[in-house]
Amino acid sequence: MEMTGGHIITASKEKVWDALNDAEVLQACIPGCKELHKKSDTELSATVVAKVGPVKATFKGEVTLGDLNPPDSYTISGEGKGGIAGFAKGGANVSLSEVDGGTQLDYNVDAKVGGKLAALGSRLIDSTAKKLAGEFFTNFSNQVGEK
């Protein structure tokens, strides 16, 4: 699955960068996130409950940040296991740029799923991923953006 998109956040690039690296902010913004622990400046562990169609599972995973270029860009790679529901793994390139009214956050995701999740079909997985991304950016904008 590939997904690209962007979102304008009404905050400075530095504030958006700091928020993208703050485990508490991310936990509050990621739909279904029960735990998010920062193990180091580049490693996080997470527990996320996700529902894709009829399959609901708790995923435990590890996330690594790479190619850090503060406050402009980084890459995210990770893998989550959801027991019999299957797994999800992949990565994303994230970049920030200043625009009128705030910061443009652009992302390019490449992810793969396996197990029961893969049997659901790519259309359902893609639509769920887009919905979750939309919820994340709404939450992130509300948390970080200046009113």
C-alpha atoms as a PDB file:
ATOM      1  CA  MET A   1       0.000   0.000   0.000  1.00  0.00           C
ATOM      2  CA  GLU A   2       1.266   3.431  -0.901  1.00  0.00           C
ATOM      3  CA  MET A   3      -0.220   6.646   0.386  1.00  0.00           C
ATOM      4  CA  THR A   4       0.865  10.248  -0.044  1.00  0.00           C
ATOM      5  CA  GLY A   5      -0.609  13.406   1.320  1.00  0.00           C
ATOM      6  CA  GLY A   6      -0.061  16.671   3.040  1.00  0.00           C
ATOM      7  CA  HIS A   7      -1.571  18.900   5.633  1.00  0.00           C
ATOM      8  CA  ILE A   8      -1.058  22.520   6.683  1.00  0.00           C
ATOM      9  CA  ILE A   9      -0.606  23.027  10.420  1.00  0.00           C
ATOM     10  CA  THR A  10      -1.006  26.551  11.775  1.00  0.00           C
ATOM     11  CA  ALA A  11       2.256  26.566  13.714  1.00  0.00           C
ATOM     12  CA  SER A  12       5.929  27.265  13.071  1.00  0.00           C
ATOM     13  CA  LYS A  13       8.062  24.571  11.484  1.00  0.00           C
ATOM     14  CA  GLU A  14      10.092  24.239  14.701  1.00  0.00           C
ATOM     15  CA  LYS A  15       6.935  23.742  16.793  1.00  0.00           C
ATOM     16  CA  VAL A  16       5.629  21.090  14.369  1.00  0.00           C
ATOM     17  CA  TRP A  17       9.030  19.340  14.363  1.00  0.00           C
ATOM     18  CA  ASP A  18       9.152  19.316  18.167  1.00  0.00           C
ATOM     19  CA  ALA A  19       5.612  17.893  18.324  1.00  0.00           C
ATOM     20  CA  LEU A  20       6.472  15.160  15.800  1.00  0.00           C
ATOM     21  CA  ASN A  21       9.254  14.101  18.172  1.00  0.00           C
ATOM     22  CA  ASP A  22       7.188  14.300  21.388  1.00  0.00           C
ATOM     23  CA  ALA A  23       5.849  10.908  22.508  1.00  0.00           C
ATOM     24  CA  GLU A  24       3.046  12.466  24.591  1.00  0.00           C
ATOM     25  CA  VAL A  25       1.770  14.569  21.682  1.00  0.00           C
ATOM     26  CA  LEU A  26       1.945  11.621  19.284  1.00  0.00           C
ATOM     27  CA  GLN A  27       0.169   9.277  21.699  1.00  0.00           C
ATOM     28  CA  ALA A  28      -2.659  11.797  22.042  1.00  0.00           C
ATOM     29  CA  CYS A  29      -2.951  12.140  18.246  1.00  0.00           C
ATOM     30  CA  ILE A  30      -2.591   8.563  16.960  1.00  0.00           C
ATOM     31  CA  PRO A  31      -6.035   6.922  16.763  1.00  0.00           C
ATOM     32  CA  GLY A  32      -6.218   3.881  19.058  1.00  0.00           C
ATOM     33  CA  CYS A  33      -2.793   4.493  20.625  1.00  0.00           C
ATOM     34  CA  LYS A  34      -2.734   3.024  24.148  1.00  0.00           C
ATOM     35  CA  GLU A  35       0.985   3.418  24.860  1.00  0.00           C
ATOM     36  CA  LEU A  36       3.904   5.184  23.212  1.00  0.00           C
ATOM     37  CA  HIS A  37       7.326   5.088  24.830  1.00  0.00           C
ATOM     38  CA  LYS A  38      10.388   6.933  23.639  1.00  0.00           C
ATOM     39  CA  LYS A  39      13.300   4.516  24.061  1.00  0.00           C
ATOM     40  CA  SER A  40      15.848   6.951  22.590  1.00  0.00           C
ATOM     41  CA  ASP A  41      15.888   9.996  20.314  1.00  0.00           C
ATOM     42  CA  THR A  42      15.343   7.667  17.337  1.00  0.00           C
ATOM     43  CA  GLU A  43      13.435   4.675  18.772  1.00  0.00           C
ATOM     44  CA  LEU A  44       9.870   4.344  20.037  1.00  0.00           C
ATOM     45  CA  SER A  45       7.678   1.429  21.057  1.00  0.00           C
ATOM     46  CA  ALA A  46       3.912   1.556  20.716  1.00  0.00           C
ATOM     47  CA  THR A  47       0.714  -0.323  21.470  1.00  0.00           C
ATOM     48  CA  VAL A  48      -2.172   0.551  19.163  1.00  0.00           C
ATOM     49  CA  VAL A  49      -5.666  -0.917  18.930  1.00  0.00           C
ATOM     50  CA  ALA A  50      -6.882  -0.859  15.335  1.00  0.00           C
ATOM     51  CA  LYS A  51     -10.042  -2.025  13.619  1.00  0.00           C
ATOM     52  CA  VAL A  52      -9.978  -2.810   9.920  1.00  0.00           C
ATOM     53  CA  GLY A  53     -13.378  -4.003   8.743  1.00  0.00           C
ATOM     54  CA  PRO A  54     -14.374  -6.924  10.969  1.00  0.00           C
ATOM     55  CA  VAL A  55     -10.839  -7.417  12.350  1.00  0.00           C
ATOM     56  CA  LYS A  56      -9.912  -5.628  15.577  1.00  0.00           C
ATOM     57  CA  ALA A  57      -6.481  -6.231  17.026  1.00  0.00           C
ATOM     58  CA  THR A  58      -3.914  -4.836  19.411  1.00  0.00           C
ATOM     59  CA  PHE A  59      -0.639  -4.183  17.641  1.00  0.00           C
ATOM     60  CA  LYS A  60       2.645  -3.950  19.496  1.00  0.00           C
ATOM     61  CA  GLY A  61       5.437  -2.452  17.489  1.00  0.00           C
ATOM     62  CA  GLU A  62       8.736  -0.687  17.226  1.00  0.00           C
ATOM     63  CA  VAL A  63       9.369   2.526  15.289  1.00  0.00           C
ATOM     64  CA  THR A  64      12.733   3.929  14.234  1.00  0.00           C
ATOM     65  CA  LEU A  65      13.442   7.446  12.992  1.00  0.00           C
ATOM     66  CA  GLY A  66      16.222   7.879  10.450  1.00  0.00           C
ATOM     67  CA  ASP A  67      17.725  10.369   8.017  1.00  0.00           C
ATOM     68  CA  LEU A  68      17.068  13.112  10.582  1.00  0.00           C
ATOM     69  CA  ASN A  69      17.353  16.588   9.101  1.00  0.00           C
ATOM     70  CA  PRO A  70      15.841  18.851  11.808  1.00  0.00           C
ATOM     71  CA  PRO A  71      13.524  20.710  11.400  1.00  0.00           C
ATOM     72  CA  ASP A  72      12.968  19.742   7.752  1.00  0.00           C
ATOM     73  CA  SER A  73      12.552  15.978   7.354  1.00  0.00           C
ATOM     74  CA  TYR A  74      12.995  12.421   8.571  1.00  0.00           C
ATOM     75  CA  THR A  75      12.075   8.886   7.698  1.00  0.00           C
ATOM     76  CA  ILE A  76      10.017   6.563   9.864  1.00  0.00           C
ATOM     77  CA  SER A  77      10.247   2.784   9.664  1.00  0.00           C
ATOM     78  CA  GLY A  78       8.504   0.257  11.800  1.00  0.00           C
ATOM     79  CA  GLU A  79       6.696  -2.998  12.266  1.00  0.00           C
ATOM     80  CA  GLY A  80       3.725  -3.982  14.389  1.00  0.00           C
ATOM     81  CA  LYS A  81       2.444  -7.448  15.236  1.00  0.00           C
ATOM     82  CA  GLY A  82      -1.227  -8.050  15.977  1.00  0.00           C
ATOM     83  CA  GLY A  83      -1.281 -11.745  16.886  1.00  0.00           C
ATOM     84  CA  ILE A  84      -3.593 -13.796  14.670  1.00  0.00           C
ATOM     85  CA  ALA A  85      -4.790 -10.606  12.954  1.00  0.00           C
ATOM     86  CA  GLY A  86      -1.408 -10.364  11.265  1.00  0.00           C
ATOM     87  CA  PHE A  87       1.230  -7.689  10.955  1.00  0.00           C
ATOM     88  CA  ALA A  88       1.887  -4.316   9.427  1.00  0.00           C
ATOM     89  CA  LYS A  89       5.285  -2.972   8.462  1.00  0.00           C
ATOM     90  CA  GLY A  90       6.594  -0.153   6.391  1.00  0.00           C
ATOM     91  CA  GLY A  91       7.980   3.309   6.354  1.00  0.00           C
ATOM     92  CA  ALA A  92       7.282   6.922   5.579  1.00  0.00           C
ATOM     93  CA  ASN A  93       9.170   9.974   4.432  1.00  0.00           C
ATOM     94  CA  VAL A  94       8.035  13.096   6.264  1.00  0.00           C
ATOM     95  CA  SER A  95       8.993  16.633   5.254  1.00  0.00           C
ATOM     96  CA  LEU A  96       8.129  20.067   6.577  1.00  0.00           C
ATOM     97  CA  SER A  97       8.162  23.368   4.718  1.00  0.00           C
ATOM     98  CA  GLU A  98       7.108  26.879   5.645  1.00  0.00           C
ATOM     99  CA  VAL A  99       3.982  28.174   3.892  1.00  0.00           C
ATOM    100  CA  ASP A 100       1.650  31.122   4.387  1.00  0.00           C
ATOM    101  CA  GLY A 101      -0.361  30.374   7.509  1.00  0.00           C
ATOM    102  CA  GLY A 102       1.970  27.784   9.018  1.00  0.00           C
ATOM    103  CA  THR A 103       3.816  24.615   8.078  1.00  0.00           C
ATOM    104  CA  GLN A 104       3.142  22.176   5.260  1.00  0.00           C
ATOM    105  CA  LEU A 105       3.672  18.578   6.412  1.00  0.00           C
ATOM    106  CA  ASP A 106       4.004  16.172   3.476  1.00  0.00           C
ATOM    107  CA  TYR A 107       4.262  12.395   3.773  1.00  0.00           C
ATOM    108  CA  ASN A 108       4.840   9.420   1.519  1.00  0.00           C
ATOM    109  CA  VAL A 109       4.019   6.026   3.070  1.00  0.00           C
ATOM    110  CA  ASP A 110       4.827   2.539   1.806  1.00  0.00           C
ATOM    111  CA  ALA A 111       3.382  -0.234   3.976  1.00  0.00           C
ATOM    112  CA  LYS A 112       2.654  -3.945   3.803  1.00  0.00           C
ATOM    113  CA  VAL A 113       0.209  -6.059   5.786  1.00  0.00           C
ATOM    114  CA  GLY A 114       0.002  -9.811   6.266  1.00  0.00           C
ATOM    115  CA  GLY A 115      -2.158 -12.416   7.969  1.00  0.00           C
ATOM    116  CA  LYS A 116      -5.916 -11.932   8.344  1.00  0.00           C
ATOM    117  CA  LEU A 117      -5.508  -8.246   7.508  1.00  0.00           C
ATOM    118  CA  ALA A 118      -4.153  -9.039   4.052  1.00  0.00           C
ATOM    119  CA  ALA A 119      -7.190 -11.237   3.364  1.00  0.00           C
ATOM    120  CA  LEU A 120      -9.514  -8.239   3.802  1.00  0.00           C
ATOM    121  CA  GLY A 121      -8.480  -6.716   0.520  1.00  0.00           C
ATOM    122  CA  SER A 122      -6.515  -3.659  -0.434  1.00  0.00           C
ATOM    123  CA  ARG A 123      -9.511  -1.332  -0.899  1.00  0.00           C
ATOM    124  CA  LEU A 124     -10.681  -1.796   2.707  1.00  0.00           C
ATOM    125  CA  ILE A 125      -7.129  -1.472   4.035  1.00  0.00           C
ATOM    126  CA  ASP A 126      -6.453   1.644   1.930  1.00  0.00           C
ATOM    127  CA  SER A 127      -9.700   3.354   2.978  1.00  0.00           C
ATOM    128  CA  THR A 128      -9.049   2.547   6.649  1.00  0.00           C
ATOM    129  CA  ALA A 129      -5.480   3.876   6.392  1.00  0.00           C
ATOM    130  CA  LYS A 130      -6.719   7.122   4.804  1.00  0.00           C
ATOM    131  CA  LYS A 131      -9.379   7.502   7.516  1.00  0.00           C
ATOM    132  CA  LEU A 132      -6.807   6.959  10.292  1.00  0.00           C
ATOM    133  CA  ALA A 133      -4.385   9.421   8.650  1.00  0.00           C
ATOM    134  CA  GLY A 134      -7.178  11.997   8.492  1.00  0.00           C
ATOM    135  CA  GLU A 135      -7.986  11.467  12.176  1.00  0.00           C
ATOM    136  CA  PHE A 136      -4.300  11.795  13.085  1.00  0.00           C
ATOM    137  CA  PHE A 137      -3.905  15.112  11.233  1.00  0.00           C
ATOM    138  CA  THR A 138      -7.120  16.523  12.701  1.00  0.00           C
ATOM    139  CA  ASN A 139      -5.924  15.575  16.196  1.00  0.00           C
ATOM    140  CA  PHE A 140      -2.370  16.826  15.488  1.00  0.00           C
ATOM    141  CA  SER A 141      -3.620  20.158  14.129  1.00  0.00           C
ATOM    142  CA  ASN A 142      -5.863  20.631  17.159  1.00  0.00           C
ATOM    143  CA  GLN A 143      -3.013  19.766  19.535  1.00  0.00           C
ATOM    144  CA  VAL A 144      -0.197  21.733  17.862  1.00  0.00           C
ATOM    145  CA  GLY A 145      -1.843  24.391  15.698  1.00  0.00           C
ATOM    146  CA  GLU A 146      -2.299  27.894  16.928  1.00  0.00           C
ATOM    147  CA  LYS A 147      -5.938  28.844  17.313  1.00  0.00           C
END
